[in-house]
Structures are given as C-alpha cells and as structure tokens.
C-alpha cells in the first residue's frame, strides 16, 4: 500500500522537529540532581616575616597617655603583634623576644645574639624577611652593625617609635605596619639593612637621629632616603651605599666579643689626657669626633699620633652633622698614621672600626674598609 505524499511529508517534518527541540527536564528532578562544584578560590600565600623584638620606646609604657616620661621595654613581642592585627594581611608573622631593654642599654651581647639569629633565619627558604623592633637612641648603630655582618640579601628592617605604646598618638603601630610591608616587599631585596620610621625608608649607612623628641627625628642628610612607605605602599628610590650584607667581608663566625673602641669629642683647648686615658683603659681603637673636617687642637693631635705609633688605630671623624672627613686635607694622615672616616659619623666609625679590628690592625687595610663600606 503506497504512502500518501502529504502524510509522508508530515511525518518527516515531525521527526525533524523532535530532533531539533531539546527535551525539557523535569523541574523536580533538576533540583534533586547534584550541581557541578564551583571552581576553588585561589589561595594567596603570604610571605613569612619573623619579628625580633629588642625593646625600646615602641615597647614602652607610661602611667598616662599624655605623660612625657615612660619606661622602655614593657611590652612583649606577642602584645606588639596583637596590637597591629592589620599587619597579618601583609605577611605571616612569627615573633621572638631577643631582649627587652631601652636602646641606651644596647650592648655587644644583644648585638651578637641578634645578628647570629638573623643569619640563621634568613638562611631558611621559607623566611622572606625580618623586622626588628628597637629603641631610637642607638638604632643607627645596630642597623649599621647588622648591615656589615648579615649574610643575606633578604630584607632586614628595623623600626622604632618616639612615643610609647600608651601615648595619646603613639607612632609605633603604623611604623611597625610599614616595616612589615617593607620586609615583605620583593623590591626591598638587596638594598642592605633598612630602618623604617615615620613613613621613610632609610639605609643603614645614611640615617642619623636628629632630634631628641620629635617624631620626625631620623634623617639621611648626606645620601638621602632609600624610599618611602605610606600605609604599606612602598616606593623605592635607590640602592644601598657601600658594601653590605651578602657582599661584606666581615663575619661573626667564631666571634664571641668585639674589641674596645672609644669615641672622644674634640673641643676648645683640648689636651691629650682623654686620648691617653682611653689607651690606658684598653682601647684598641680611638675615634675622634673632631671639629670641622675632623680637626682637633695641636696638643690632641700630637697625643693621637703618639698612640697611633703604639699600634692603636685612630680614626678622625667629625662632630658636625653633615659632610665628609677628607683624608690628607687639613691633617697629614699618611705621615701621622691616622684613618679618615670619610662619610661615616663617629658612632658608625666606631662600629666599622670594631669589626675591622677583628680582622687586622693595619692602618692601610682599615682605611680601605672606610673607603668601601
């Protein structure tokens, strides 16, 4: 029996429609069916920063929030970390208490302990950087010491405060936050030891304390800032001055003590009594904080040259806030056997001389250290 052409066309059309039209799912069945898993949120791995606390005003406390007098080193590292929870968004933080003293009491024992611990920590692959809380009085000396003996390019950042943690407008929390931001920043790698305070990033070779009480006490008057940091946002301007950290030739391996070096300030009508007294007290080196371009009276210069001939290494620095002390400019250093500090102030000259004396007491070699560091 033959199929009617119209009936055949109708059948073909219905089949085509059925093929082209998707089946409608049962709503109840669709609701019960398992839904595909949403893609997992990307995990952000924060850099690990270790906080080493030494004390200072940043850990200080006073009886009142408007009291000038306070006691340093009253707050422990755990309290510091808890006081700035925002920093945990920048890095994974771990804290260790190295000491809890005012930095006027900073000493060789703490220096050696701190430096050796930093070298241990920075050798660990998981550690990205170090933050050290410190008092402002001797922070520039500690920073420069670490700049010469740390064996890593990883960021090592010191921070401090001019107001205690209990003050009405404490500067410590934001300084700490910014220090963590710098220590966690990859652009800080290879810039030497840094000091972060009041939104400024200083190099260890350049900063100095310029005011007894002002919040903006630290300046880098000769070489300028390494960079700035505002609420964790970093901007870097330059690299470090002189050899430092990973390319420094100084090492604390086997060092349990540092040689004595005294600083003596030059003044009107100065004689040689203090110079001779320093030598008699066992000083292996003497730094003169000279007037002007490292100058002193004729009597003092004669006494200094006499001690230099006996093997005590004598360095001419300056009590003036800025400028370099030139070699063989107004004093014949070659003839008298003296060292010129060049760009280092007296306190940093003392740090470099102490480390230099762990290697040699040759005046030419010591002068090379001042040329390169």
Protein backbone atom coordinates (compact mmCIF):
# COMPACT_ATOMS: atom_id res chain seq x y z
CA UNK A 1 0.00 0.00 0.00
CA UNK A 2 1.57 3.28 -1.03
CA UNK A 3 2.01 6.17 1.40
CA UNK A 4 0.24 9.41 0.59
CA UNK A 5 2.78 12.12 -0.29
CA UNK A 6 1.20 14.60 2.17
CA UNK A 7 1.29 12.03 5.01
CA UNK A 8 4.94 11.27 4.25
CA UNK A 9 5.90 14.97 4.33
CA UNK A 10 4.07 15.45 7.64
CA UNK A 11 5.92 12.52 9.23
CA UNK A 12 9.28 13.83 8.04
CA UNK A 13 8.57 17.30 9.48
CA UNK A 14 7.53 15.93 12.87
CA UNK A 15 10.72 13.85 13.12
CA UNK A 16 12.84 16.88 12.26
CA UNK A 17 11.13 18.99 14.92
CA UNK A 18 11.63 16.27 17.54
CA UNK A 19 15.32 16.04 16.75
CA UNK A 20 15.87 19.81 16.80
CA UNK A 21 13.92 20.51 20.03
CA UNK A 22 15.72 19.51 23.28
CA UNK A 23 13.78 17.58 25.89
CA UNK A 24 12.55 19.68 28.83
CA UNK A 25 13.91 18.36 32.11
CA UNK A 26 11.56 17.62 34.98
CA UNK A 27 11.91 20.60 37.43
CA UNK A 28 11.88 18.35 40.49
CA UNK A 29 14.48 16.04 39.01
CA UNK A 30 16.66 19.02 38.07
CA UNK A 31 16.51 20.36 41.61
CA UNK A 32 17.49 16.99 43.05
CA UNK A 33 20.38 16.47 40.63
CA UNK A 34 23.87 17.24 42.03
CA UNK A 35 25.24 20.60 40.88
CA UNK A 36 28.79 20.83 39.50
CA UNK A 37 31.30 22.09 42.05
CA UNK A 38 32.29 25.76 41.76
CA UNK A 39 35.97 26.36 40.99
CA UNK A 40 38.00 26.59 44.21
CA UNK A 41 39.07 30.11 45.28
CA UNK A 42 42.68 30.81 44.58
CA UNK A 43 44.75 30.65 47.76
CA UNK A 44 47.03 33.65 48.33
CA UNK A 45 50.27 32.65 50.04
CA UNK A 46 51.62 35.46 52.18
CA UNK A 47 55.38 35.85 52.69
CA UNK A 48 56.70 34.84 56.10
CA UNK A 49 58.24 37.64 58.16
CA UNK A 50 59.90 37.00 61.53
CA UNK A 51 59.67 39.78 64.11
CA UNK A 52 62.60 40.03 66.54
CA UNK A 53 61.86 42.29 69.49
CA UNK A 54 64.62 44.00 71.46
CA UNK A 55 62.59 46.55 73.47
CA UNK A 56 62.76 50.32 73.19
CA UNK A 57 60.09 53.02 73.24
CA UNK A 58 57.97 51.08 70.74
CA UNK A 59 57.53 48.58 73.60
CA UNK A 60 57.37 51.27 76.27
CA UNK A 61 54.57 52.24 78.63
CA UNK A 62 53.68 55.28 80.72
CA UNK A 63 51.22 55.87 83.56
CA UNK A 64 49.26 58.35 81.42
CA UNK A 65 48.56 58.79 77.70
CA UNK A 66 49.81 62.40 77.89
CA UNK A 67 52.88 61.81 80.05
CA UNK A 68 56.34 62.55 78.69
CA UNK A 69 58.15 60.13 80.98
CA UNK A 70 57.84 56.39 80.36
CA UNK A 71 59.66 53.10 80.81
CA UNK A 72 61.08 51.31 77.76
CA UNK A 73 60.71 47.62 77.13
CA UNK A 74 57.43 46.95 78.95
CA UNK A 75 55.51 45.25 76.13
CA UNK A 76 56.42 41.80 74.82
CA UNK A 77 56.54 40.70 71.19
CA UNK A 78 53.20 38.86 71.39
CA UNK A 79 51.50 42.05 72.57
CA UNK A 80 53.15 44.00 69.75
CA UNK A 81 51.83 41.56 67.16
CA UNK A 82 48.35 41.59 68.70
CA UNK A 83 48.29 45.40 68.73
CA UNK A 84 48.63 45.62 64.94
CA UNK A 85 46.40 42.85 63.50
CA UNK A 86 46.35 44.63 60.14
CA UNK A 87 49.96 43.53 59.59
CA UNK A 88 48.79 39.92 59.34
CA UNK A 89 47.22 40.82 55.99
CA UNK A 90 50.69 41.66 54.67
CA UNK A 91 52.65 38.63 55.88
CA UNK A 92 52.56 35.55 58.03
CA UNK A 93 54.16 36.77 61.23
CA UNK A 94 56.19 34.93 63.84
CA UNK A 95 57.70 36.67 66.85
CA UNK A 96 60.74 36.13 69.04
CA UNK A 97 61.92 38.12 72.05
CA UNK A 98 65.67 38.76 71.77
CA UNK A 99 65.79 41.27 74.65
CA UNK A 100 63.52 43.87 76.23
CA UNK A 101 65.67 46.89 77.06
CA UNK A 102 65.87 50.56 76.27
CA UNK A 103 68.33 51.03 73.43
CA UNK A 104 70.51 53.26 75.62
CA UNK A 105 71.40 49.90 77.23
CA UNK A 106 72.11 48.13 73.94
CA UNK A 107 75.24 46.01 74.27
CA UNK A 108 77.55 43.59 72.48
CA UNK A 109 75.83 40.53 73.91
CA UNK A 110 72.50 41.51 72.34
CA UNK A 111 74.19 42.53 69.09
CA UNK A 112 75.88 39.17 68.68
CA UNK A 113 72.77 37.23 69.63
CA UNK A 114 70.61 39.28 67.27
CA UNK A 115 72.97 39.05 64.30
CA UNK A 116 73.51 35.32 64.65
CA UNK A 117 69.77 34.69 64.91
CA UNK A 118 69.09 36.79 61.81
CA UNK A 119 71.69 34.81 59.85
CA UNK A 120 70.01 31.59 60.95
CA UNK A 121 66.54 32.79 59.98
CA UNK A 122 67.45 34.33 56.62
CA UNK A 123 69.12 31.04 55.63
CA UNK A 124 65.69 29.37 55.85
CA UNK A 125 63.95 29.30 52.44
CA UNK A 126 60.51 29.92 53.95
CA UNK A 127 61.57 33.20 55.62
CA UNK A 128 61.11 36.21 53.32
CA UNK A 129 62.28 38.96 55.65
CA UNK A 130 63.00 40.16 59.17
CA UNK A 131 61.55 43.03 61.23
CA UNK A 132 63.42 44.18 64.36
CA UNK A 133 61.75 46.43 66.92
CA UNK A 134 64.33 48.64 68.63
CA UNK A 135 64.78 51.85 70.58
CA UNK A 136 65.67 55.02 68.70
CA UNK A 137 68.73 56.03 70.75
CA UNK A 138 71.16 53.51 69.24
CA UNK A 139 69.15 52.17 66.30
CA UNK A 140 71.56 53.66 63.77
CA UNK A 141 74.48 51.81 65.35
CA UNK A 142 72.63 48.49 65.48
CA UNK A 143 71.43 48.91 61.90
CA UNK A 144 74.94 49.65 60.64
CA UNK A 145 76.42 46.75 62.61
CA UNK A 146 73.86 44.37 61.08
CA UNK A 147 74.49 45.90 57.66
CA UNK A 148 78.09 44.69 57.93
CA UNK A 149 77.56 41.18 59.35
CA UNK A 150 74.27 39.81 57.93
CA UNK A 151 74.93 37.32 55.13
CA UNK A 152 71.70 37.60 53.15
CA UNK A 153 70.10 39.91 50.61
CA UNK A 154 66.68 39.31 52.17
CA UNK A 155 65.12 42.43 53.72
CA UNK A 156 66.18 43.13 57.31
CA UNK A 157 64.15 46.09 58.57
CA UNK A 158 64.46 47.89 61.89
CA UNK A 159 61.66 50.04 63.23
CA UNK A 160 61.10 52.10 66.35
CA UNK A 161 58.92 54.76 67.93
CA UNK A 162 59.38 58.14 69.55
CA UNK A 163 56.25 57.76 71.67
CA UNK A 164 55.44 54.83 73.95
CA UNK A 165 52.65 52.39 73.17
CA UNK A 166 50.40 54.07 75.76
CA UNK A 167 50.72 57.58 74.29
CA UNK A 168 47.74 59.56 73.03
CA UNK A 169 49.13 59.46 69.49
CA UNK A 170 51.54 56.51 69.52
CA UNK A 171 53.63 56.26 66.36
CA UNK A 172 54.73 52.67 66.92
CA UNK A 173 51.78 50.76 65.41
CA UNK A 174 51.96 52.40 61.98
CA UNK A 175 55.77 52.24 61.98
CA UNK A 176 55.51 48.51 62.69
CA UNK A 177 52.88 48.02 59.98
CA UNK A 178 55.03 49.83 57.43
CA UNK A 179 58.14 47.88 58.48
CA UNK A 180 56.31 44.60 57.84
CA UNK A 181 55.22 45.90 54.43
CA UNK A 182 58.83 46.70 53.51
CA UNK A 183 60.16 43.38 54.83
CA UNK A 184 57.54 41.52 52.76
CA UNK A 185 58.23 43.53 49.60
CA UNK A 186 60.38 41.82 46.97
CA UNK A 187 61.72 45.20 45.85
CA UNK A 188 63.44 45.57 49.23
CA UNK A 189 65.72 42.63 48.46
CA UNK A 190 69.39 43.59 48.05
CA UNK A 191 69.07 47.12 49.48
CA UNK A 192 71.01 46.39 52.66
CA UNK A 193 69.68 46.74 56.18
CA UNK A 194 66.87 49.30 56.35
CA UNK A 195 65.25 51.46 59.01
CA UNK A 196 61.56 52.32 58.58
CA UNK A 197 60.11 55.10 60.71
CA UNK A 198 57.58 57.88 60.11
CA UNK A 199 56.86 56.81 56.51
CA UNK A 200 60.52 56.99 55.45
CA UNK A 201 62.83 54.15 54.43
CA UNK A 202 66.44 54.84 55.44
CA UNK A 203 69.60 52.96 54.58
CA UNK A 204 71.75 51.81 57.49
CA UNK A 205 74.75 53.79 56.23
CA UNK A 206 72.95 57.08 55.93
CA UNK A 207 70.45 57.68 58.73
CA UNK A 208 71.08 59.56 61.94
CA UNK A 209 68.92 60.73 64.84
CA UNK A 210 68.48 64.48 64.58
CA UNK A 211 66.04 65.42 67.37
CA UNK A 212 65.75 64.34 70.98
CA UNK A 213 61.94 64.18 70.98
CA UNK A 214 60.42 64.94 67.56
CA UNK A 215 58.57 62.14 65.77
CA UNK A 216 60.44 63.03 62.57
CA UNK A 217 63.79 62.56 64.30
CA UNK A 218 65.57 60.46 61.67
CA UNK A 219 67.22 61.99 58.63
CA UNK A 220 69.52 60.73 55.91
CA UNK A 221 71.22 64.06 55.25
CA UNK A 222 74.12 63.03 53.01
CA UNK A 223 72.81 60.29 50.72
CA UNK A 224 69.06 60.72 51.08
CA UNK A 225 66.28 58.20 51.54
CA UNK A 226 66.12 54.68 50.15
CA UNK A 227 62.39 55.22 49.67
CA UNK A 228 59.05 55.94 51.32
CA UNK A 229 56.19 53.81 52.63
CA UNK A 230 52.67 55.13 53.21
CA UNK A 231 50.19 52.77 54.86
CA UNK A 232 52.07 49.80 53.48
CA UNK A 233 52.55 51.16 49.93
CA UNK A 234 56.29 51.21 49.17
CA UNK A 235 58.23 53.33 46.72
CA UNK A 236 61.98 52.81 46.37
CA UNK A 237 64.38 55.48 45.09
CA UNK A 238 67.86 53.97 45.24
CA UNK A 239 70.06 51.15 46.42
CA UNK A 240 72.43 51.00 49.40
CA UNK A 241 75.63 52.96 49.91
CA UNK A 242 78.82 50.92 50.21
CA UNK A 243 79.40 47.21 50.56
CA UNK A 244 76.95 45.47 52.82
CA UNK A 245 75.28 42.22 53.94
CA UNK A 246 75.82 39.49 51.33
CA UNK A 247 78.93 41.17 49.85
CA UNK A 248 80.50 42.22 53.15
CA UNK A 249 83.79 40.59 54.11
CA UNK A 250 83.01 40.76 57.84
CA UNK A 251 81.82 37.67 59.64
CA UNK A 252 80.84 36.74 63.18
CA UNK A 253 81.93 33.13 62.79
CA UNK A 254 83.89 32.32 65.92
CA UNK A 255 83.46 35.87 67.29
CA UNK A 256 82.40 35.94 70.94
CA UNK A 257 83.44 39.51 71.77
CA UNK A 258 84.30 42.75 70.00
CA UNK A 259 87.39 44.92 70.63
CA UNK A 260 87.02 48.08 72.66
CA UNK A 261 86.90 51.34 70.70
CA UNK A 262 86.27 54.69 72.42
CA UNK A 263 84.83 57.90 70.97
CA UNK A 264 86.28 61.20 72.23
CA UNK A 265 84.78 64.54 71.27
CA UNK A 266 87.09 67.36 70.29
CA UNK A 267 86.56 70.78 71.87
CA UNK A 268 88.21 74.14 72.51
CA UNK A 269 91.50 73.94 74.46
CA UNK A 270 91.54 70.13 74.30
CA UNK A 271 94.65 68.38 75.57
CA UNK A 272 95.65 64.75 75.15
CA UNK A 273 94.54 63.49 78.58
CA UNK A 274 91.39 61.69 77.44
CA UNK A 275 93.22 60.14 74.48
CA UNK A 276 95.89 58.77 76.78
CA UNK A 277 93.24 57.59 79.27
CA UNK A 278 91.40 55.65 76.57
CA UNK A 279 94.60 53.88 75.60
CA UNK A 280 95.40 53.13 79.25
CA UNK A 281 91.89 51.67 79.69
CA UNK A 282 92.50 49.09 76.98
CA UNK A 283 91.06 50.70 73.88
CA UNK A 284 92.30 49.03 70.69
CA UNK A 285 90.96 51.90 68.65
CA UNK A 286 90.05 55.56 69.17
CA UNK A 287 87.58 57.65 67.17
CA UNK A 288 87.85 61.42 67.49
CA UNK A 289 84.59 63.32 66.90
CA UNK A 290 86.59 66.24 65.61
CA UNK A 291 85.64 69.82 64.93
CA UNK A 292 85.04 70.79 61.32
CA UNK A 293 86.78 68.44 58.91
CA UNK A 294 87.89 66.05 61.66
CA UNK A 295 90.20 68.57 63.28
CA UNK A 296 91.44 68.95 66.86
CA UNK A 297 93.96 71.05 68.78
CA UNK A 298 97.67 70.59 68.14
CA UNK A 299 98.06 69.02 71.61
CA UNK A 300 95.30 66.49 70.97
CA UNK A 301 96.64 65.66 67.52
CA UNK A 302 100.10 65.06 68.95
CA UNK A 303 98.68 62.70 71.59
CA UNK A 304 96.62 60.86 68.97
CA UNK A 305 99.60 60.38 66.68
CA UNK A 306 101.65 59.07 69.61
CA UNK A 307 99.04 56.40 70.33
CA UNK A 308 98.84 55.52 66.64
CA UNK A 309 102.57 54.80 66.68
CA UNK A 310 101.96 52.38 69.56
CA UNK A 311 99.55 50.35 67.42
CA UNK A 312 96.20 51.81 68.46
CA UNK A 313 94.14 52.51 65.33
CA UNK A 314 92.99 56.14 65.41
CA UNK A 315 90.17 57.49 63.24
CA UNK A 316 89.35 61.12 62.57
CA UNK A 317 85.58 61.69 62.27
CA UNK A 318 83.55 64.87 62.83
CA UNK A 319 81.02 66.09 65.35
CA UNK A 320 79.42 68.14 62.54
CA UNK A 321 76.05 66.78 61.39
CA UNK A 322 76.79 66.51 57.65
CA UNK A 323 79.75 66.34 55.32
CA UNK A 324 82.74 64.09 54.76
CA UNK A 325 86.06 63.99 56.56
CA UNK A 326 88.66 64.06 53.82
CA UNK A 327 91.93 62.19 54.05
CA UNK A 328 95.14 64.27 53.99
CA UNK A 329 93.17 67.52 53.62
CA UNK A 330 93.96 69.56 56.75
CA UNK A 331 95.75 66.77 58.61
CA UNK A 332 98.61 64.72 57.14
CA UNK A 333 97.06 61.30 57.82
CA UNK A 334 99.77 59.44 55.91
CA UNK A 335 102.54 60.98 58.00
CA UNK A 336 100.77 60.53 61.34
CA UNK A 337 99.35 57.06 60.66
CA UNK A 338 95.70 58.07 61.03
CA UNK A 339 92.48 56.95 59.33
CA UNK A 340 89.90 59.37 57.86
CA UNK A 341 86.26 58.41 58.42
CA UNK A 342 85.13 59.85 55.07
CA UNK A 343 81.30 59.66 55.06
CA UNK A 344 80.74 57.94 58.40
CA UNK A 345 79.81 59.80 61.57
CA UNK A 346 81.66 58.99 64.82
CA UNK A 347 79.21 56.35 66.06
CA UNK A 348 79.23 54.43 62.80
CA UNK A 349 83.00 54.85 62.51
CA UNK A 350 83.27 53.10 65.86
CA UNK A 351 81.12 50.19 64.61
CA UNK A 352 83.20 49.72 61.46
CA UNK A 353 86.49 50.06 63.35
CA UNK A 354 85.47 47.41 65.89
CA UNK A 355 84.65 44.94 63.14
CA UNK A 356 87.77 45.92 61.21
CA UNK A 357 89.91 45.19 64.25
CA UNK A 358 88.59 41.61 64.34
CA UNK A 359 90.48 41.15 61.06
CA UNK A 360 93.53 43.43 61.22
CA UNK A 361 95.11 46.47 62.85
CA UNK A 362 96.91 47.52 59.69
CA UNK A 363 96.05 51.18 59.10
CA UNK A 364 96.00 50.86 55.31
CA UNK A 365 93.56 47.98 55.47
CA UNK A 366 91.38 49.83 57.97
CA UNK A 367 91.35 52.86 55.65
CA UNK A 368 90.23 50.54 52.82
CA UNK A 369 87.28 49.47 54.96
CA UNK A 370 86.27 53.10 55.31
CA UNK A 371 86.67 53.60 51.57
CA UNK A 372 84.44 50.61 50.70
CA UNK A 373 81.85 50.45 53.47
